[in-house]
Amino acid sequence: MKTPPLFSEAQLLQWHEELEAMHKELRNGVVPLTAANVLTEQDVCALLKVTNRTVRKYRKQQFIGYTKMAGTIIYFRNLLYLDLVRLYYLNRSKQK
């Protein structure tokens, strides 16, 4: 059985604020595709405080999306945040 990762509400609130900032940029016609918004697997591990193996497991179970470019797996920060918020609410609804 798949078990989505759990995150604190504080983490989710921080991600939500960053997503709102990205949405504001998009409304102004700016696509925030910068080096700061592109994450490596090691960056994701540090952000989520998990091991490489756990990130690969989340990816394989399709908990988080990724892109493969030139043989390197990358994650887009804002899309990762959306996946994590979705997982939080999915897990929360299963607990009720």
PDB file of N, CA and C in Angstrom:
ATOM      1  N   MET A   1       0.834  -1.181   0.000  1.00  0.00           N
ATOM      2  CA  MET A   1       0.000   0.000   0.000  1.00  0.00           C
ATOM      3  C   MET A   1       0.877   1.242   0.000  1.00  0.00           C
ATOM      4  N   LYS A   2       0.555   2.191  -0.840  1.00  0.00           N
ATOM      5  CA  LYS A   2       1.314   3.424  -0.911  1.00  0.00           C
ATOM      6  C   LYS A   2       1.003   4.306   0.288  1.00  0.00           C
ATOM      7  N   THR A   3       2.032   4.871   0.881  1.00  0.00           N
ATOM      8  CA  THR A   3       1.861   5.801   1.988  1.00  0.00           C
ATOM      9  C   THR A   3       2.494   7.125   1.611  1.00  0.00           C
ATOM     10  N   PRO A   4       1.678   8.170   1.440  1.00  0.00           N
ATOM     11  CA  PRO A   4       2.260   9.456   1.080  1.00  0.00           C
ATOM     12  C   PRO A   4       3.080  10.034   2.220  1.00  0.00           C
ATOM     13  N   PRO A   5       4.074  10.826   1.900  1.00  0.00           N
ATOM     14  CA  PRO A   5       4.894  11.448   2.940  1.00  0.00           C
ATOM     15  C   PRO A   5       4.075  12.437   3.754  1.00  0.00           C
ATOM     16  N   LEU A   6       4.448  12.610   5.000  1.00  0.00           N
ATOM     17  CA  LEU A   6       3.758  13.546   5.880  1.00  0.00           C
ATOM     18  C   LEU A   6       4.618  14.781   6.088  1.00  0.00           C
ATOM     19  N   PHE A   7       3.978  15.923   6.150  1.00  0.00           N
ATOM     20  CA  PHE A   7       4.684  17.185   6.329  1.00  0.00           C
ATOM     21  C   PHE A   7       3.949  18.021   7.349  1.00  0.00           C
ATOM     22  N   SER A   8       4.672  18.908   7.984  1.00  0.00           N
ATOM     23  CA  SER A   8       4.053  19.760   8.992  1.00  0.00           C
ATOM     24  C   SER A   8       3.260  20.875   8.325  1.00  0.00           C
ATOM     25  N   GLU A   9       2.327  21.433   9.072  1.00  0.00           N
ATOM     26  CA  GLU A   9       1.545  22.544   8.546  1.00  0.00           C
ATOM     27  C   GLU A   9       2.422  23.758   8.306  1.00  0.00           C
ATOM     28  N   ALA A  10       3.452  23.933   9.110  1.00  0.00           N
ATOM     29  CA  ALA A  10       4.369  25.057   8.920  1.00  0.00           C
ATOM     30  C   ALA A  10       5.064  24.965   7.566  1.00  0.00           C
ATOM     31  N   GLN A  11       5.503  23.751   7.199  1.00  0.00           N
ATOM     32  CA  GLN A  11       6.122  23.562   5.890  1.00  0.00           C
ATOM     33  C   GLN A  11       5.132  23.881   4.781  1.00  0.00           C
ATOM     34  N   LEU A  12       3.906  23.395   4.937  1.00  0.00           N
ATOM     35  CA  LEU A  12       2.893  23.629   3.909  1.00  0.00           C
ATOM     36  C   LEU A  12       2.567  25.112   3.778  1.00  0.00           C
ATOM     37  N   LEU A  13       2.505  25.825   4.885  1.00  0.00           N
ATOM     38  CA  LEU A  13       2.237  27.264   4.832  1.00  0.00           C
ATOM     39  C   LEU A  13       3.361  28.001   4.104  1.00  0.00           C
ATOM     40  N   GLN A  14       4.596  27.600   4.351  1.00  0.00           N
ATOM     41  CA  GLN A  14       5.733  28.216   3.663  1.00  0.00           C
ATOM     42  C   GLN A  14       5.638  27.956   2.165  1.00  0.00           C
ATOM     43  N   TRP A  15       5.351  26.711   1.783  1.00  0.00           N
ATOM     44  CA  TRP A  15       5.228  26.370   0.374  1.00  0.00           C
ATOM     45  C   TRP A  15       4.075  27.128  -0.266  1.00  0.00           C
ATOM     46  N   HIS A  16       2.975  27.273   0.478  1.00  0.00           N
ATOM     47  CA  HIS A  16       1.818  27.996  -0.034  1.00  0.00           C
ATOM     48  C   HIS A  16       2.179  29.450  -0.328  1.00  0.00           C
ATOM     49  N   GLU A  17       2.932  30.081   0.555  1.00  0.00           N
ATOM     50  CA  GLU A  17       3.353  31.465   0.344  1.00  0.00           C
ATOM     51  C   GLU A  17       4.230  31.581  -0.904  1.00  0.00           C
ATOM     52  N   GLU A  18       5.136  30.628  -1.089  1.00  0.00           N
ATOM     53  CA  GLU A  18       5.989  30.652  -2.271  1.00  0.00           C
ATOM     54  C   GLU A  18       5.180  30.428  -3.547  1.00  0.00           C
ATOM     55  N   LEU A  19       4.169  29.572  -3.472  1.00  0.00           N
ATOM     56  CA  LEU A  19       3.310  29.347  -4.631  1.00  0.00           C
ATOM     57  C   LEU A  19       2.502  30.596  -4.965  1.00  0.00           C
ATOM     58  N   GLU A  20       2.034  31.307  -3.938  1.00  0.00           N
ATOM     59  CA  GLU A  20       1.315  32.554  -4.179  1.00  0.00           C
ATOM     60  C   GLU A  20       2.210  33.577  -4.869  1.00  0.00           C
ATOM     61  N   ALA A  21       3.475  33.655  -4.450  1.00  0.00           N
ATOM     62  CA  ALA A  21       4.421  34.576  -5.086  1.00  0.00           C
ATOM     63  C   ALA A  21       4.631  34.194  -6.550  1.00  0.00           C
ATOM     64  N   MET A  22       4.744  32.887  -6.826  1.00  0.00           N
ATOM     65  CA  MET A  22       4.901  32.425  -8.198  1.00  0.00           C
ATOM     66  C   MET A  22       3.661  32.763  -9.018  1.00  0.00           C
ATOM     67  N   HIS A  23       2.496  32.571  -8.436  1.00  0.00           N
ATOM     68  CA  HIS A  23       1.250  32.871  -9.143  1.00  0.00           C
ATOM     69  C   HIS A  23       1.175  34.359  -9.494  1.00  0.00           C
ATOM     70  N   LYS A  24       1.608  35.207  -8.588  1.00  0.00           N
ATOM     71  CA  LYS A  24       1.623  36.650  -8.837  1.00  0.00           C
ATOM     72  C   LYS A  24       2.551  36.974 -10.008  1.00  0.00           C
ATOM     73  N   GLU A  25       3.722  36.339 -10.051  1.00  0.00           N
ATOM     74  CA  GLU A  25       4.652  36.545 -11.162  1.00  0.00           C
ATOM     75  C   GLU A  25       4.034  36.091 -12.478  1.00  0.00           C
ATOM     76  N   LEU A  26       3.349  34.964 -12.456  1.00  0.00           N
ATOM     77  CA  LEU A  26       2.711  34.455 -13.669  1.00  0.00           C
ATOM     78  C   LEU A  26       1.624  35.406 -14.172  1.00  0.00           C
ATOM     79  N   ARG A  27       0.857  35.971 -13.245  1.00  0.00           N
ATOM     80  CA  ARG A  27      -0.180  36.928 -13.642  1.00  0.00           C
ATOM     81  C   ARG A  27       0.428  38.171 -14.280  1.00  0.00           C
ATOM     82  N   ASN A  28       1.647  38.517 -13.882  1.00  0.00           N
ATOM     83  CA  ASN A  28       2.337  39.674 -14.446  1.00  0.00           C
ATOM     84  C   ASN A  28       3.112  39.318 -15.712  1.00  0.00           C
ATOM     85  N   GLY A  29       2.978  38.082 -16.182  1.00  0.00           N
ATOM     86  CA  GLY A  29       3.609  37.674 -17.423  1.00  0.00           C
ATOM     87  C   GLY A  29       5.042  37.201 -17.285  1.00  0.00           C
ATOM     88  N   VAL A  30       5.482  36.945 -16.061  1.00  0.00           N
ATOM     89  CA  VAL A  30       6.850  36.494 -15.820  1.00  0.00           C
ATOM     90  C   VAL A  30       6.820  35.004 -15.497  1.00  0.00           C
ATOM     91  N   VAL A  31       7.557  34.222 -16.258  1.00  0.00           N
ATOM     92  CA  VAL A  31       7.661  32.785 -15.986  1.00  0.00           C
ATOM     93  C   VAL A  31       8.876  32.575 -15.086  1.00  0.00           C
ATOM     94  N   PRO A  32       8.650  32.157 -13.839  1.00  0.00           N
ATOM     95  CA  PRO A  32       9.754  32.042 -12.880  1.00  0.00           C
ATOM     96  C   PRO A  32      10.597  30.782 -13.048  1.00  0.00           C
ATOM     97  N   LEU A  33      11.164  30.600 -14.226  1.00  0.00           N
ATOM     98  CA  LEU A  33      12.006  29.429 -14.474  1.00  0.00           C
ATOM     99  C   LEU A  33      13.463  29.865 -14.363  1.00  0.00           C
ATOM    100  N   THR A  34      13.936  29.866 -13.138  1.00  0.00           N
ATOM    101  CA  THR A  34      15.308  30.276 -12.854  1.00  0.00           C
ATOM    102  C   THR A  34      16.037  29.115 -12.194  1.00  0.00           C
ATOM    103  N   ALA A  35      17.330  29.271 -12.037  1.00  0.00           N
ATOM    104  CA  ALA A  35      18.124  28.221 -11.382  1.00  0.00           C
ATOM    105  C   ALA A  35      17.620  27.954  -9.969  1.00  0.00           C
ATOM    106  N   ALA A  36      17.089  28.972  -9.312  1.00  0.00           N
ATOM    107  CA  ALA A  36      16.583  28.800  -7.947  1.00  0.00           C
ATOM    108  C   ALA A  36      15.333  27.926  -7.921  1.00  0.00           C
ATOM    109  N   ASN A  37      14.621  27.849  -9.030  1.00  0.00           N
ATOM    110  CA  ASN A  37      13.390  27.059  -9.084  1.00  0.00           C
ATOM    111  C   ASN A  37      13.596  25.656  -9.632  1.00  0.00           C
ATOM    112  N   VAL A  38      14.817  25.329 -10.025  1.00  0.00           N
ATOM    113  CA  VAL A  38      15.138  23.994 -10.516  1.00  0.00           C
ATOM    114  C   VAL A  38      15.951  23.284  -9.439  1.00  0.00           C
ATOM    115  N   LEU A  39      15.460  22.126  -9.007  1.00  0.00           N
ATOM    116  CA  LEU A  39      16.089  21.390  -7.913  1.00  0.00           C
ATOM    117  C   LEU A  39      16.681  20.071  -8.408  1.00  0.00           C
ATOM    118  N   THR A  40      17.794  19.700  -7.824  1.00  0.00           N
ATOM    119  CA  THR A  40      18.368  18.381  -8.069  1.00  0.00           C
ATOM    120  C   THR A  40      17.785  17.418  -7.036  1.00  0.00           C
ATOM    121  N   GLU A  41      18.101  16.145  -7.187  1.00  0.00           N
ATOM    122  CA  GLU A  41      17.623  15.164  -6.215  1.00  0.00           C
ATOM    123  C   GLU A  41      18.180  15.469  -4.823  1.00  0.00           C
ATOM    124  N   GLN A  42      19.427  15.912  -4.765  1.00  0.00           N
ATOM    125  CA  GLN A  42      20.028  16.255  -3.473  1.00  0.00           C
ATOM    126  C   GLN A  42      19.315  17.446  -2.832  1.00  0.00           C
ATOM    127  N   ASP A  43      18.905  18.411  -3.657  1.00  0.00           N
ATOM    128  CA  ASP A  43      18.152  19.560  -3.138  1.00  0.00           C
ATOM    129  C   ASP A  43      16.825  19.116  -2.534  1.00  0.00           C
ATOM    130  N   VAL A  44      16.153  18.199  -3.229  1.00  0.00           N
ATOM    131  CA  VAL A  44      14.863  17.692  -2.750  1.00  0.00           C
ATOM    132  C   VAL A  44      15.059  16.921  -1.441  1.00  0.00           C
ATOM    133  N   CYS A  45      16.117  16.144  -1.368  1.00  0.00           N
ATOM    134  CA  CYS A  45      16.427  15.402  -0.129  1.00  0.00           C
ATOM    135  C   CYS A  45      16.593  16.370   1.035  1.00  0.00           C
ATOM    136  N   ALA A  46      17.339  17.436   0.813  1.00  0.00           N
ATOM    137  CA  ALA A  46      17.573  18.419   1.874  1.00  0.00           C
ATOM    138  C   ALA A  46      16.276  19.137   2.250  1.00  0.00           C
ATOM    139  N   LEU A  47      15.472  19.475   1.261  1.00  0.00           N
ATOM    140  CA  LEU A  47      14.216  20.178   1.505  1.00  0.00           C
ATOM    141  C   LEU A  47      13.246  19.327   2.323  1.00  0.00           C
ATOM    142  N   LEU A  48      13.154  18.057   1.960  1.00  0.00           N
ATOM    143  CA  LEU A  48      12.210  17.162   2.630  1.00  0.00           C
ATOM    144  C   LEU A  48      12.804  16.446   3.836  1.00  0.00           C
ATOM    145  N   LYS A  49      14.113  16.578   3.996  1.00  0.00           N
ATOM    146  CA  LYS A  49      14.829  15.915   5.097  1.00  0.00           C
ATOM    147  C   LYS A  49      14.660  14.398   5.034  1.00  0.00           C
ATOM    148  N   VAL A  50      14.897  13.864   3.810  1.00  0.00           N
ATOM    149  CA  VAL A  50      14.827  12.418   3.580  1.00  0.00           C
ATOM    150  C   VAL A  50      16.060  11.992   2.790  1.00  0.00           C
ATOM    151  N   THR A  51      16.236  10.692   2.628  1.00  0.00           N
ATOM    152  CA  THR A  51      17.383  10.158   1.897  1.00  0.00           C
ATOM    153  C   THR A  51      17.106  10.123   0.394  1.00  0.00           C
ATOM    154  N   ASN A  52      18.175   9.899  -0.394  1.00  0.00           N
ATOM    155  CA  ASN A  52      18.029   9.749  -1.846  1.00  0.00           C
ATOM    156  C   ASN A  52      17.075   8.607  -2.170  1.00  0.00           C
ATOM    157  N   ARG A  53      17.212   7.524  -1.438  1.00  0.00           N
ATOM    158  CA  ARG A  53      16.367   6.348  -1.665  1.00  0.00           C
ATOM    159  C   ARG A  53      14.891   6.693  -1.476  1.00  0.00           C
ATOM    160  N   THR A  54      14.586   7.488  -0.472  1.00  0.00           N
ATOM    161  CA  THR A  54      13.202   7.876  -0.212  1.00  0.00           C
ATOM    162  C   THR A  54      12.665   8.746  -1.339  1.00  0.00           C
ATOM    163  N   VAL A  55      13.464   9.678  -1.829  1.00  0.00           N
ATOM    164  CA  VAL A  55      13.034  10.527  -2.943  1.00  0.00           C
ATOM    165  C   VAL A  55      12.770   9.661  -4.183  1.00  0.00           C
ATOM    166  N   ARG A  56      13.634   8.702  -4.448  1.00  0.00           N
ATOM    167  CA  ARG A  56      13.412   7.804  -5.591  1.00  0.00           C
ATOM    168  C   ARG A  56      12.124   7.001  -5.408  1.00  0.00           C
ATOM    169  N   LYS A  57      11.863   6.580  -4.170  1.00  0.00           N
ATOM    170  CA  LYS A  57      10.639   5.834  -3.873  1.00  0.00           C
ATOM    171  C   LYS A  57       9.410   6.715  -4.116  1.00  0.00           C
ATOM    172  N   TYR A  58       9.449   7.969  -3.660  1.00  0.00           N
ATOM    173  CA  TYR A  58       8.338   8.900  -3.886  1.00  0.00           C
ATOM    174  C   TYR A  58       8.119   9.111  -5.386  1.00  0.00           C
ATOM    175  N   ARG A  59       9.223   9.218  -6.123  1.00  0.00           N
ATOM    176  CA  ARG A  59       9.147   9.416  -7.570  1.00  0.00           C
ATOM    177  C   ARG A  59       8.530   8.189  -8.240  1.00  0.00           C
ATOM    178  N   LYS A  60       8.991   7.003  -7.862  1.00  0.00           N
ATOM    179  CA  LYS A  60       8.486   5.763  -8.448  1.00  0.00           C
ATOM    180  C   LYS A  60       7.000   5.567  -8.144  1.00  0.00           C
ATOM    181  N   GLN A  61       6.595   5.944  -6.941  1.00  0.00           N
ATOM    182  CA  GLN A  61       5.189   5.815  -6.551  1.00  0.00           C
ATOM    183  C   GLN A  61       4.343   6.985  -7.051  1.00  0.00           C
ATOM    184  N   GLN A  62       4.966   7.873  -7.808  1.00  0.00           N
ATOM    185  CA  GLN A  62       4.316   9.025  -8.420  1.00  0.00           C
ATOM    186  C   GLN A  62       3.730  10.001  -7.396  1.00  0.00           C
ATOM    187  N   PHE A  63       4.377  10.099  -6.237  1.00  0.00           N
ATOM    188  CA  PHE A  63       3.990  11.110  -5.262  1.00  0.00           C
ATOM    189  C   PHE A  63       4.484  12.480  -5.700  1.00  0.00           C
ATOM    190  N   ILE A  64       5.645  12.507  -6.364  1.00  0.00           N
ATOM    191  CA  ILE A  64       6.212  13.771  -6.823  1.00  0.00           C
ATOM    192  C   ILE A  64       6.593  13.655  -8.296  1.00  0.00           C
ATOM    193  N   GLY A  65       6.379  14.737  -9.003  1.00  0.00           N
ATOM    194  CA  GLY A  65       6.705  14.763 -10.417  1.00  0.00           C
ATOM    195  C   GLY A  65       8.151  15.188 -10.640  1.00  0.00           C
ATOM    196  N   TYR A  66       8.659  14.863 -11.800  1.00  0.00           N
ATOM    197  CA  TYR A  66      10.041  15.203 -12.138  1.00  0.00           C
ATOM    198  C   TYR A  66      10.163  15.300 -13.646  1.00  0.00           C
ATOM    199  N   THR A  67      11.288  15.802 -14.092  1.00  0.00           N
ATOM    200  CA  THR A  67      11.612  15.875 -15.507  1.00  0.00           C
ATOM    201  C   THR A  67      13.017  15.333 -15.694  1.00  0.00           C
ATOM    202  N   LYS A  68      13.227  14.633 -16.780  1.00  0.00           N
ATOM    203  CA  LYS A  68      14.562  14.115 -17.069  1.00  0.00           C
ATOM    204  C   LYS A  68      15.102  14.872 -18.275  1.00  0.00           C
ATOM    205  N   MET A  69      16.235  15.558 -18.066  1.00  0.00           N
ATOM    206  CA  MET A  69      16.866  16.331 -19.136  1.00  0.00           C
ATOM    207  C   MET A  69      18.322  15.913 -19.241  1.00  0.00           C
ATOM    208  N   ALA A  70      18.706  15.491 -20.415  1.00  0.00           N
ATOM    209  CA  ALA A  70      20.087  15.064 -20.680  1.00  0.00           C
ATOM    210  C   ALA A  70      20.552  14.014 -19.668  1.00  0.00           C
ATOM    211  N   GLY A  71      19.649  13.109 -19.314  1.00  0.00           N
ATOM    212  CA  GLY A  71      19.991  12.033 -18.401  1.00  0.00           C
ATOM    213  C   GLY A  71      19.982  12.416 -16.930  1.00  0.00           C
ATOM    214  N   THR A  72      19.650  13.665 -16.627  1.00  0.00           N
ATOM    215  CA  THR A  72      19.627  14.141 -15.243  1.00  0.00           C
ATOM    216  C   THR A  72      18.189  14.388 -14.824  1.00  0.00           C
ATOM    217  N   ILE A  73      17.839  13.894 -13.653  1.00  0.00           N
ATOM    218  CA  ILE A  73      16.491  14.114 -13.129  1.00  0.00           C
ATOM    219  C   ILE A  73      16.482  15.443 -12.385  1.00  0.00           C
ATOM    220  N   ILE A  74      15.505  16.284 -12.758  1.00  0.00           N
ATOM    221  CA  ILE A  74      15.352  17.571 -12.078  1.00  0.00           C
ATOM    222  C   ILE A  74      13.911  17.721 -11.610  1.00  0.00           C
ATOM    223  N   TYR A  75      13.736  18.576 -10.645  1.00  0.00           N
ATOM    224  CA  TYR A  75      12.425  18.865 -10.078  1.00  0.00           C
ATOM    225  C   TYR A  75      12.225  20.371 -10.156  1.00  0.00           C
ATOM    226  N   PHE A  76      11.009  20.793 -10.470  1.00  0.00           N
ATOM    227  CA  PHE A  76      10.682  22.207 -10.439  1.00  0.00           C
ATOM    228  C   PHE A  76      10.071  22.516  -9.084  1.00  0.00           C
ATOM    229  N   ARG A  77      10.700  23.446  -8.376  1.00  0.00           N
ATOM    230  CA  ARG A  77      10.328  23.756  -7.001  1.00  0.00           C
ATOM    231  C   ARG A  77       8.825  23.951  -6.830  1.00  0.00           C
ATOM    232  N   ASN A  78       8.221  24.776  -7.659  1.00  0.00           N
ATOM    233  CA  ASN A  78       6.811  25.101  -7.475  1.00  0.00           C
ATOM    234  C   ASN A  78       5.906  23.909  -7.769  1.00  0.00           C
ATOM    235  N   LEU A  79       6.262  23.101  -8.756  1.00  0.00           N
ATOM    236  CA  LEU A  79       5.476  21.903  -9.031  1.00  0.00           C
ATOM    237  C   LEU A  79       5.644  20.881  -7.912  1.00  0.00           C
ATOM    238  N   LEU A  80       6.835  20.807  -7.344  1.00  0.00           N
ATOM    239  CA  LEU A  80       7.063  19.926  -6.202  1.00  0.00           C
ATOM    240  C   LEU A  80       6.190  20.348  -5.028  1.00  0.00           C
ATOM    241  N   TYR A  81       6.121  21.659  -4.777  1.00  0.00           N
ATOM    242  CA  TYR A  81       5.277  22.154  -3.691  1.00  0.00           C
ATOM    243  C   TYR A  81       3.810  21.787  -3.923  1.00  0.00           C
ATOM    244  N   LEU A  82       3.360  21.915  -5.157  1.00  0.00           N
ATOM    245  CA  LEU A  82       1.976  21.538  -5.459  1.00  0.00           C
ATOM    246  C   LEU A  82       1.733  20.060  -5.187  1.00  0.00           C
ATOM    247  N   ASP A  83       2.675  19.216  -5.583  1.00  0.00           N
ATOM    248  CA  ASP A  83       2.552  17.784  -5.309  1.00  0.00           C
ATOM    249  C   ASP A  83       2.490  17.514  -3.811  1.00  0.00           C
ATOM    250  N   LEU A  84       3.323  18.207  -3.046  1.00  0.00           N
ATOM    251  CA  LEU A  84       3.372  17.976  -1.602  1.00  0.00           C
ATOM    252  C   LEU A  84       2.098  18.449  -0.912  1.00  0.00           C
ATOM    253  N   VAL A  85       1.566  19.576  -1.344  1.00  0.00           N
ATOM    254  CA  VAL A  85       0.300  20.063  -0.779  1.00  0.00           C
ATOM    255  C   VAL A  85      -0.818  19.086  -1.116  1.00  0.00           C
ATOM    256  N   ARG A  86      -0.841  18.593  -2.362  1.00  0.00           N
ATOM    257  CA  ARG A  86      -1.854  17.609  -2.766  1.00  0.00           C
ATOM    258  C   ARG A  86      -1.760  16.351  -1.901  1.00  0.00           C
ATOM    259  N   LEU A  87      -0.552  15.879  -1.664  1.00  0.00           N
ATOM    260  CA  LEU A  87      -0.360  14.686  -0.840  1.00  0.00           C
ATOM    261  C   LEU A  87      -0.803  14.909   0.596  1.00  0.00           C
ATOM    262  N   TYR A  88      -0.541  16.094   1.097  1.00  0.00           N
ATOM    263  CA  TYR A  88      -0.940  16.421   2.474  1.00  0.00           C
ATOM    264  C   TYR A  88      -2.453  16.311   2.607  1.00  0.00           C
ATOM    265  N   TYR A  89      -3.183  16.928   1.681  1.00  0.00           N
ATOM    266  CA  TYR A  89      -4.638  16.906   1.775  1.00  0.00           C
ATOM    267  C   TYR A  89      -5.205  15.532   1.451  1.00  0.00           C
ATOM    268  N   LEU A  90      -4.546  14.792   0.574  1.00  0.00           N
ATOM    269  CA  LEU A  90      -4.980  13.422   0.290  1.00  0.00           C
ATOM    270  C   LEU A  90      -4.853  12.565   1.545  1.00  0.00           C
ATOM    271  N   ASN A  91      -3.720  12.659   2.219  1.00  0.00           N
ATOM    272  CA  ASN A  91      -3.484  11.899   3.442  1.00  0.00           C
ATOM    273  C   ASN A  91      -4.434  12.339   4.549  1.00  0.00           C
ATOM    274  N   ARG A  92      -4.660  13.624   4.633  1.00  0.00           N
ATOM    275  CA  ARG A  92      -5.535  14.178   5.674  1.00  0.00           C
ATOM    276  C   ARG A  92      -6.971  13.681   5.492  1.00  0.00           C
ATOM    277  N   SER A  93      -7.440  13.618   4.232  1.00  0.00           N
ATOM    278  CA  SER A  93      -8.812  13.160   3.989  1.00  0.00           C
ATOM    279  C   SER A  93      -8.947  11.660   4.283  1.00  0.00           C
ATOM    280  N   LYS A  94      -7.870  10.885   4.107  1.00  0.00           N
ATOM    281  CA  LYS A  94      -7.925   9.455   4.409  1.00  0.00           C
ATOM    282  C   LYS A  94      -7.989   9.197   5.907  1.00  0.00           C
ATOM    283  N   GLN A  95      -7.445  10.133   6.700  1.00  0.00           N
ATOM    284  CA  GLN A  95      -7.433   9.955   8.145  1.00  0.00           C
ATOM    285  C   GLN A  95      -8.779  10.229   8.777  1.00  0.00           C
ATOM    286  N   LYS A  96      -9.652  10.939   8.083  1.00  0.00           N
ATOM    287  CA  LYS A  96     -10.981  11.292   8.653  1.00  0.00           C
ATOM    288  C   LYS A  96     -11.952  10.178   8.586  1.00  0.00           C
TER     289      LYS A  96
END
